[in-house]
């Protein structure tokens, strides 16, 4: 199968699936065209997933289609943006239709769920690598940044943490238990917090999505804001299945494991008190921003917490 036939068969349908009126021209030309209305800012980000680094070599292509788009769209959620379109650069060893069909189906389901249309891309031969660039828009002046956290701001997280990182232990399980399946679902099908991010735009003082672990990603906020933080580890929200399977190590996973794609936000306490109940109930307050540099932990921690680093740590 040639490159253009591959694109027409598996990826052209994704251009129309989300019905984005801001995407004026999708696949088929030299460039796509996106119209940005007055009063909106364009927000964009790119993520690359490499076989054997970001996902196992025998990973389900159906799961991978969803996951690849979800992790990219999560960056839009962290900025408070609304998704519009994405481009896909796909490097393949060969045009294996048995792999391409479920991959494109998983990608299509994610595209529909997140309301984001395929604008174009490229395919080439080589080791399996997936690069996705996402575009979104946010009202001018309301984007969420990593900088902006101030002493006294509350530190909050959405959802629960640690389950996706723990799921790595069960990817090869021949017959996962119900508890293991609950963790695996969090790994296979991340849910970008788009609606929450949009509702927090203009309210939160800073935000980041939790991809490399809570402490590592909170550290990026602290670096960008020139501030410190104090965290009560006893407040970290966790799934019951995670606690049941991992016991005393569950909290360490919630603090240091990546792949949650929840949001970590900071927000002034007076603003938090004015949040709509439907927004506040999605957040757990776990600490506060301090003027003293560094990250202080109080409460139970059983090990040394290290977040994910793309190039590892020196020995």
Protein backbone atom coordinates (compact mmCIF):
# COMPACT_ATOMS: atom_id res chain seq x y z
CA UNK A 1 0.00 0.00 0.00
CA UNK A 2 1.36 3.41 -1.00
CA UNK A 3 1.54 6.47 1.22
CA UNK A 4 -1.38 8.33 -0.36
CA UNK A 5 -3.65 5.29 -0.44
CA UNK A 6 -2.79 4.68 3.23
CA UNK A 7 -3.75 8.26 4.12
CA UNK A 8 -7.01 8.15 2.13
CA UNK A 9 -8.10 4.85 3.59
CA UNK A 10 -7.23 5.25 7.25
CA UNK A 11 -6.80 8.92 8.08
CA UNK A 12 -8.81 11.09 5.66
CA UNK A 13 -12.08 10.28 7.51
CA UNK A 14 -10.66 11.82 10.70
CA UNK A 15 -10.51 15.23 9.02
CA UNK A 16 -14.30 15.52 9.00
CA UNK A 17 -15.16 13.57 12.12
CA UNK A 18 -14.99 16.41 14.67
CA UNK A 19 -16.83 19.00 12.60
CA UNK A 20 -14.54 21.90 13.47
CA UNK A 21 -15.59 25.04 11.60
CA UNK A 22 -12.25 26.72 12.41
CA UNK A 23 -10.49 24.15 10.22
CA UNK A 24 -10.99 25.66 6.76
CA UNK A 25 -8.79 23.20 4.87
CA UNK A 26 -7.68 19.76 6.01
CA UNK A 27 -5.60 16.97 4.44
CA UNK A 28 -4.91 17.00 0.71
CA UNK A 29 -3.06 20.27 0.15
CA UNK A 30 0.45 21.42 0.99
CA UNK A 31 -0.80 22.99 4.22
CA UNK A 32 -3.92 22.99 6.34
CA UNK A 33 -5.70 26.27 7.09
CA UNK A 34 -7.05 27.17 10.50
CA UNK A 35 -8.97 30.39 11.07
CA UNK A 36 -8.53 32.04 14.46
CA UNK A 37 -11.38 34.38 15.32
CA UNK A 38 -10.74 37.85 16.80
CA UNK A 39 -10.32 37.75 20.57
CA UNK A 40 -8.83 34.26 20.56
CA UNK A 41 -5.21 33.15 20.91
CA UNK A 42 -3.81 30.12 19.09
CA UNK A 43 -2.39 27.46 21.44
CA UNK A 44 -0.34 24.58 20.07
CA UNK A 45 1.91 21.77 21.30
CA UNK A 46 3.63 18.67 19.93
CA UNK A 47 4.23 15.25 21.51
CA UNK A 48 6.28 12.33 20.21
CA UNK A 49 5.80 8.69 21.25
CA UNK A 50 8.54 6.17 20.39
CA UNK A 51 8.05 2.41 20.44
CA UNK A 52 10.02 0.83 23.27
CA UNK A 53 10.38 4.16 25.07
CA UNK A 54 6.84 5.48 25.54
CA UNK A 55 4.92 2.27 24.88
CA UNK A 56 5.80 -1.46 24.66
CA UNK A 57 6.69 -2.99 21.29
CA UNK A 58 3.65 -5.28 21.43
CA UNK A 59 1.22 -2.58 22.58
CA UNK A 60 -2.31 -2.73 21.18
CA UNK A 61 -2.61 -0.34 18.19
CA UNK A 62 -6.21 0.40 19.18
CA UNK A 63 -5.12 1.57 22.62
CA UNK A 64 -2.18 3.42 21.10
CA UNK A 65 -4.41 5.44 18.76
CA UNK A 66 -6.42 6.77 21.69
CA UNK A 67 -3.45 7.24 23.97
CA UNK A 68 -1.28 9.10 21.44
CA UNK A 69 -3.94 11.75 20.86
CA UNK A 70 -5.01 11.95 24.51
CA UNK A 71 -1.55 12.75 25.85
CA UNK A 72 -1.17 15.54 23.29
CA UNK A 73 -4.62 17.00 23.92
CA UNK A 74 -3.89 17.02 27.66
CA UNK A 75 -1.45 19.88 27.03
CA UNK A 76 -4.35 21.94 25.67
CA UNK A 77 -6.34 21.17 28.82
CA UNK A 78 -3.47 22.45 30.94
CA UNK A 79 -3.62 25.79 29.11
CA UNK A 80 -7.40 26.11 29.43
CA UNK A 81 -7.77 25.80 25.64
CA UNK A 82 -10.50 24.38 23.42
CA UNK A 83 -9.25 21.81 20.86
CA UNK A 84 -9.54 22.54 17.14
CA UNK A 85 -7.29 20.30 15.04
CA UNK A 86 -4.18 18.14 15.02
CA UNK A 87 -1.49 16.94 12.64
CA UNK A 88 -0.06 13.43 12.63
CA UNK A 89 3.46 12.38 11.62
CA UNK A 90 3.58 8.59 11.54
CA UNK A 91 6.77 6.58 11.01
CA UNK A 92 6.16 2.90 10.25
CA UNK A 93 8.36 -0.10 9.48
CA UNK A 94 5.77 -1.15 6.89
CA UNK A 95 2.18 -0.43 5.86
CA UNK A 96 0.71 -3.26 7.92
CA UNK A 97 -3.06 -2.98 7.49
CA UNK A 98 -3.63 -5.28 10.45
CA UNK A 99 -1.96 -2.60 12.59
CA UNK A 100 -3.17 0.50 10.74
CA UNK A 101 -6.88 -0.31 10.93
CA UNK A 102 -7.17 -0.60 14.73
CA UNK A 103 -4.73 2.29 15.25
CA UNK A 104 -6.82 4.60 13.06
CA UNK A 105 -10.01 3.40 14.79
CA UNK A 106 -8.62 4.19 18.22
CA UNK A 107 -7.42 7.57 16.94
CA UNK A 108 -10.87 8.27 15.46
CA UNK A 109 -12.64 7.48 18.75
CA UNK A 110 -10.32 9.83 20.60
CA UNK A 111 -10.74 12.52 17.94
CA UNK A 112 -14.51 12.37 18.31
CA UNK A 113 -14.40 12.27 22.11
CA UNK A 114 -12.12 15.32 22.35
CA UNK A 115 -13.74 17.31 19.53
CA UNK A 116 -10.54 17.67 17.52
CA UNK A 117 -10.17 17.08 13.76
CA UNK A 118 -7.21 15.79 11.76
CA UNK A 119 -5.75 18.67 9.73
CA UNK A 120 -2.98 16.78 7.93
CA UNK A 121 0.38 15.15 8.49
CA UNK A 122 2.98 12.87 6.98
CA UNK A 123 3.95 9.20 6.83
CA UNK A 124 7.38 7.70 6.30
CA UNK A 125 9.30 4.44 6.77
CA UNK A 126 11.32 3.73 9.90
CA UNK A 127 11.01 2.62 13.54
CA UNK A 128 7.49 3.11 14.87
CA UNK A 129 7.19 6.72 16.01
CA UNK A 130 4.09 8.87 16.42
CA UNK A 131 4.26 12.66 16.55
CA UNK A 132 1.08 14.64 17.07
CA UNK A 133 0.79 18.42 17.09
CA UNK A 134 -2.42 19.77 18.57
CA UNK A 135 -3.95 23.19 17.96
CA UNK A 136 -6.53 24.91 20.13
CA UNK A 137 -7.78 28.35 21.01
CA UNK A 138 -8.29 30.25 24.22
CA UNK A 139 -9.83 33.63 24.90
CA UNK A 140 -7.11 36.28 24.70
CA UNK A 141 -5.48 36.86 28.07
CA UNK A 142 -7.05 33.83 29.76
CA UNK A 143 -4.55 31.06 28.98
CA UNK A 144 -3.16 29.16 31.97
CA UNK A 145 0.64 29.30 32.36
CA UNK A 146 3.08 27.40 34.54
CA UNK A 147 4.25 30.74 35.89
CA UNK A 148 2.02 32.86 38.12
CA UNK A 149 1.82 30.85 41.34
CA UNK A 150 2.03 33.12 44.40
CA UNK A 151 2.69 32.43 48.09
CA UNK A 152 -0.55 31.45 49.79
CA UNK A 153 -2.09 29.96 46.65
CA UNK A 154 -3.70 26.57 47.14
CA UNK A 155 -2.22 23.61 45.25
CA UNK A 156 -4.93 21.35 43.82
CA UNK A 157 -5.06 18.24 41.68
CA UNK A 158 -7.91 16.77 39.68
CA UNK A 159 -9.02 13.16 39.82
CA UNK A 160 -6.81 10.52 41.39
CA UNK A 161 -3.09 9.89 40.93
CA UNK A 162 -0.74 6.94 40.56
CA UNK A 163 -3.00 4.40 38.86
CA UNK A 164 -1.54 4.70 35.36
CA UNK A 165 2.02 4.38 36.64
CA UNK A 166 1.09 1.31 38.65
CA UNK A 167 -0.59 -0.21 35.58
CA UNK A 168 2.82 -0.72 33.96
CA UNK A 169 3.26 -3.75 36.22
CA UNK A 170 0.20 -5.40 34.68
CA UNK A 171 0.54 -4.65 30.95
CA UNK A 172 1.65 -8.22 30.28
CA UNK A 173 -0.70 -9.89 32.77
CA UNK A 174 -2.45 -12.80 30.97
CA UNK A 175 -5.64 -12.54 33.04
CA UNK A 176 -5.78 -9.22 34.92
CA UNK A 177 -7.93 -9.05 38.03
CA UNK A 178 -10.77 -6.48 38.22
CA UNK A 179 -8.54 -4.21 40.31
CA UNK A 180 -5.71 -4.51 37.79
CA UNK A 181 -8.13 -3.79 34.94
CA UNK A 182 -9.20 -0.61 36.70
CA UNK A 183 -5.57 0.59 36.74
CA UNK A 184 -4.96 -0.52 33.16
CA UNK A 185 -7.93 1.50 31.97
CA UNK A 186 -6.30 4.63 33.36
CA UNK A 187 -3.14 3.85 31.36
CA UNK A 188 -4.79 2.80 28.09
CA UNK A 189 -7.42 5.53 27.97
CA UNK A 190 -6.22 8.82 29.52
CA UNK A 191 -8.98 11.43 29.79
CA UNK A 192 -7.67 14.97 29.19
CA UNK A 193 -9.34 17.40 31.59
CA UNK A 194 -10.50 19.75 28.85
CA UNK A 195 -13.70 21.03 30.42
CA UNK A 196 -12.04 21.57 33.79
CA UNK A 197 -9.12 23.45 32.25
CA UNK A 198 -11.48 25.68 30.29
CA UNK A 199 -13.49 26.49 33.42
CA UNK A 200 -10.31 27.31 35.35
CA UNK A 201 -8.97 29.64 32.65
CA UNK A 202 -8.80 33.13 34.13
CA UNK A 203 -9.23 31.72 37.67
CA UNK A 204 -6.17 29.57 38.38
CA UNK A 205 -2.84 31.32 38.84
CA UNK A 206 -0.90 28.46 37.18
CA UNK A 207 -1.46 24.98 35.80
CA UNK A 208 0.27 21.94 34.32
CA UNK A 209 -0.84 18.47 33.29
CA UNK A 210 0.63 15.58 35.27
CA UNK A 211 2.56 13.54 32.73
CA UNK A 212 5.92 12.95 34.45
CA UNK A 213 4.67 12.64 38.04
CA UNK A 214 3.09 15.09 40.46
CA UNK A 215 6.28 16.20 42.19
CA UNK A 216 8.22 16.56 38.94
CA UNK A 217 5.48 18.55 37.23
CA UNK A 218 4.74 20.70 40.28
CA UNK A 219 8.46 21.40 40.27
CA UNK A 220 8.07 22.97 36.81
CA UNK A 221 5.44 25.34 38.22
CA UNK A 222 7.73 26.26 41.10
CA UNK A 223 10.68 26.89 38.78
CA UNK A 224 8.60 29.03 36.43
CA UNK A 225 6.98 30.95 39.30
CA UNK A 226 10.08 31.40 41.45
CA UNK A 227 8.28 29.92 44.46
CA UNK A 228 8.25 26.93 46.81
CA UNK A 229 5.54 24.58 48.00
CA UNK A 230 4.36 22.56 50.96
CA UNK A 231 2.47 19.32 50.26
CA UNK A 232 0.50 17.15 52.67
CA UNK A 233 1.00 13.68 51.22
CA UNK A 234 -1.92 12.36 53.26
CA UNK A 235 -4.26 14.41 51.08
CA UNK A 236 -3.16 12.90 47.75
CA UNK A 237 -6.27 11.34 46.12
CA UNK A 238 -5.85 7.71 45.06
CA UNK A 239 -8.05 4.98 43.61
CA UNK A 240 -9.09 2.29 46.08
CA UNK A 241 -7.78 -0.32 43.63
CA UNK A 242 -4.34 1.28 43.69
CA UNK A 243 -4.20 1.17 47.49
CA UNK A 244 -5.45 -2.42 47.53
CA UNK A 245 -2.81 -3.60 45.06
CA UNK A 246 0.19 -1.51 46.09
CA UNK A 247 -0.32 -0.96 49.81
CA UNK A 248 2.25 1.40 51.33
CA UNK A 249 3.81 2.02 47.89
CA UNK A 250 0.57 3.47 46.51
CA UNK A 251 1.29 6.97 47.81
CA UNK A 252 4.79 6.97 46.33
CA UNK A 253 3.29 6.09 42.94
CA UNK A 254 0.72 8.87 43.34
CA UNK A 255 3.55 11.33 44.00
CA UNK A 256 6.09 10.18 41.46
CA UNK A 257 4.56 8.04 38.72
CA UNK A 258 3.71 9.62 35.39
CA UNK A 259 0.96 9.13 32.81
CA UNK A 260 -1.95 10.36 34.96
CA UNK A 261 -2.78 13.35 32.70
CA UNK A 262 -4.71 14.98 35.50
CA UNK A 263 -4.25 18.70 36.19
CA UNK A 264 -2.17 20.28 38.92
CA UNK A 265 -3.27 23.87 39.46
CA UNK A 266 -2.61 26.70 41.88
CA UNK A 267 -5.38 29.07 42.82
CA UNK A 268 -5.77 31.90 45.35
CA UNK A 269 -7.89 30.74 48.33
CA UNK A 270 -10.37 33.57 47.87
CA UNK A 271 -10.89 32.51 44.24
CA UNK A 272 -11.22 28.85 45.17
CA UNK A 273 -14.10 29.80 47.46
CA UNK A 274 -16.00 31.30 44.50
CA UNK A 275 -15.66 28.30 42.18
CA UNK A 276 -18.83 26.64 41.02
CA UNK A 277 -19.51 23.51 43.07
CA UNK A 278 -19.26 21.33 39.95
CA UNK A 279 -15.68 22.57 39.43
CA UNK A 280 -14.57 22.55 43.07
CA UNK A 281 -15.72 18.94 43.52
CA UNK A 282 -13.27 17.82 40.81
CA UNK A 283 -10.32 19.26 42.75
CA UNK A 284 -8.48 18.13 45.88
CA UNK A 285 -6.45 20.67 47.84
CA UNK A 286 -3.10 19.03 48.69
CA UNK A 287 -0.95 21.96 49.83
CA UNK A 288 0.01 25.56 49.30
CA UNK A 289 2.60 27.72 47.58
CA UNK A 290 5.28 29.19 49.84
CA UNK A 291 7.75 32.03 49.47
CA UNK A 292 10.62 29.80 50.59
CA UNK A 293 12.19 27.90 47.67
CA UNK A 294 12.00 24.14 47.54
CA UNK A 295 9.33 21.49 47.99
CA UNK A 296 8.44 20.38 51.50
CA UNK A 297 6.55 17.14 52.14
CA UNK A 298 4.61 16.32 55.27
CA UNK A 299 2.74 13.11 55.88
CA UNK A 300 3.44 9.52 54.83
CA UNK A 301 6.12 8.80 52.21
CA UNK A 302 7.89 5.43 52.16
CA UNK A 303 10.54 5.87 49.48
CA UNK A 304 12.57 8.27 47.35
CA UNK A 305 10.24 9.92 44.83
CA UNK A 306 11.56 10.50 41.32
CA UNK A 307 9.49 11.63 38.36
CA UNK A 308 10.00 10.53 34.78
CA UNK A 309 12.84 12.09 32.82
CA UNK A 310 13.11 11.61 29.05
CA UNK A 311 16.90 11.27 29.07
CA UNK A 312 17.21 9.65 32.47
CA UNK A 313 19.57 10.65 35.26
CA UNK A 314 23.34 10.45 35.35
CA UNK A 315 24.67 7.48 37.28
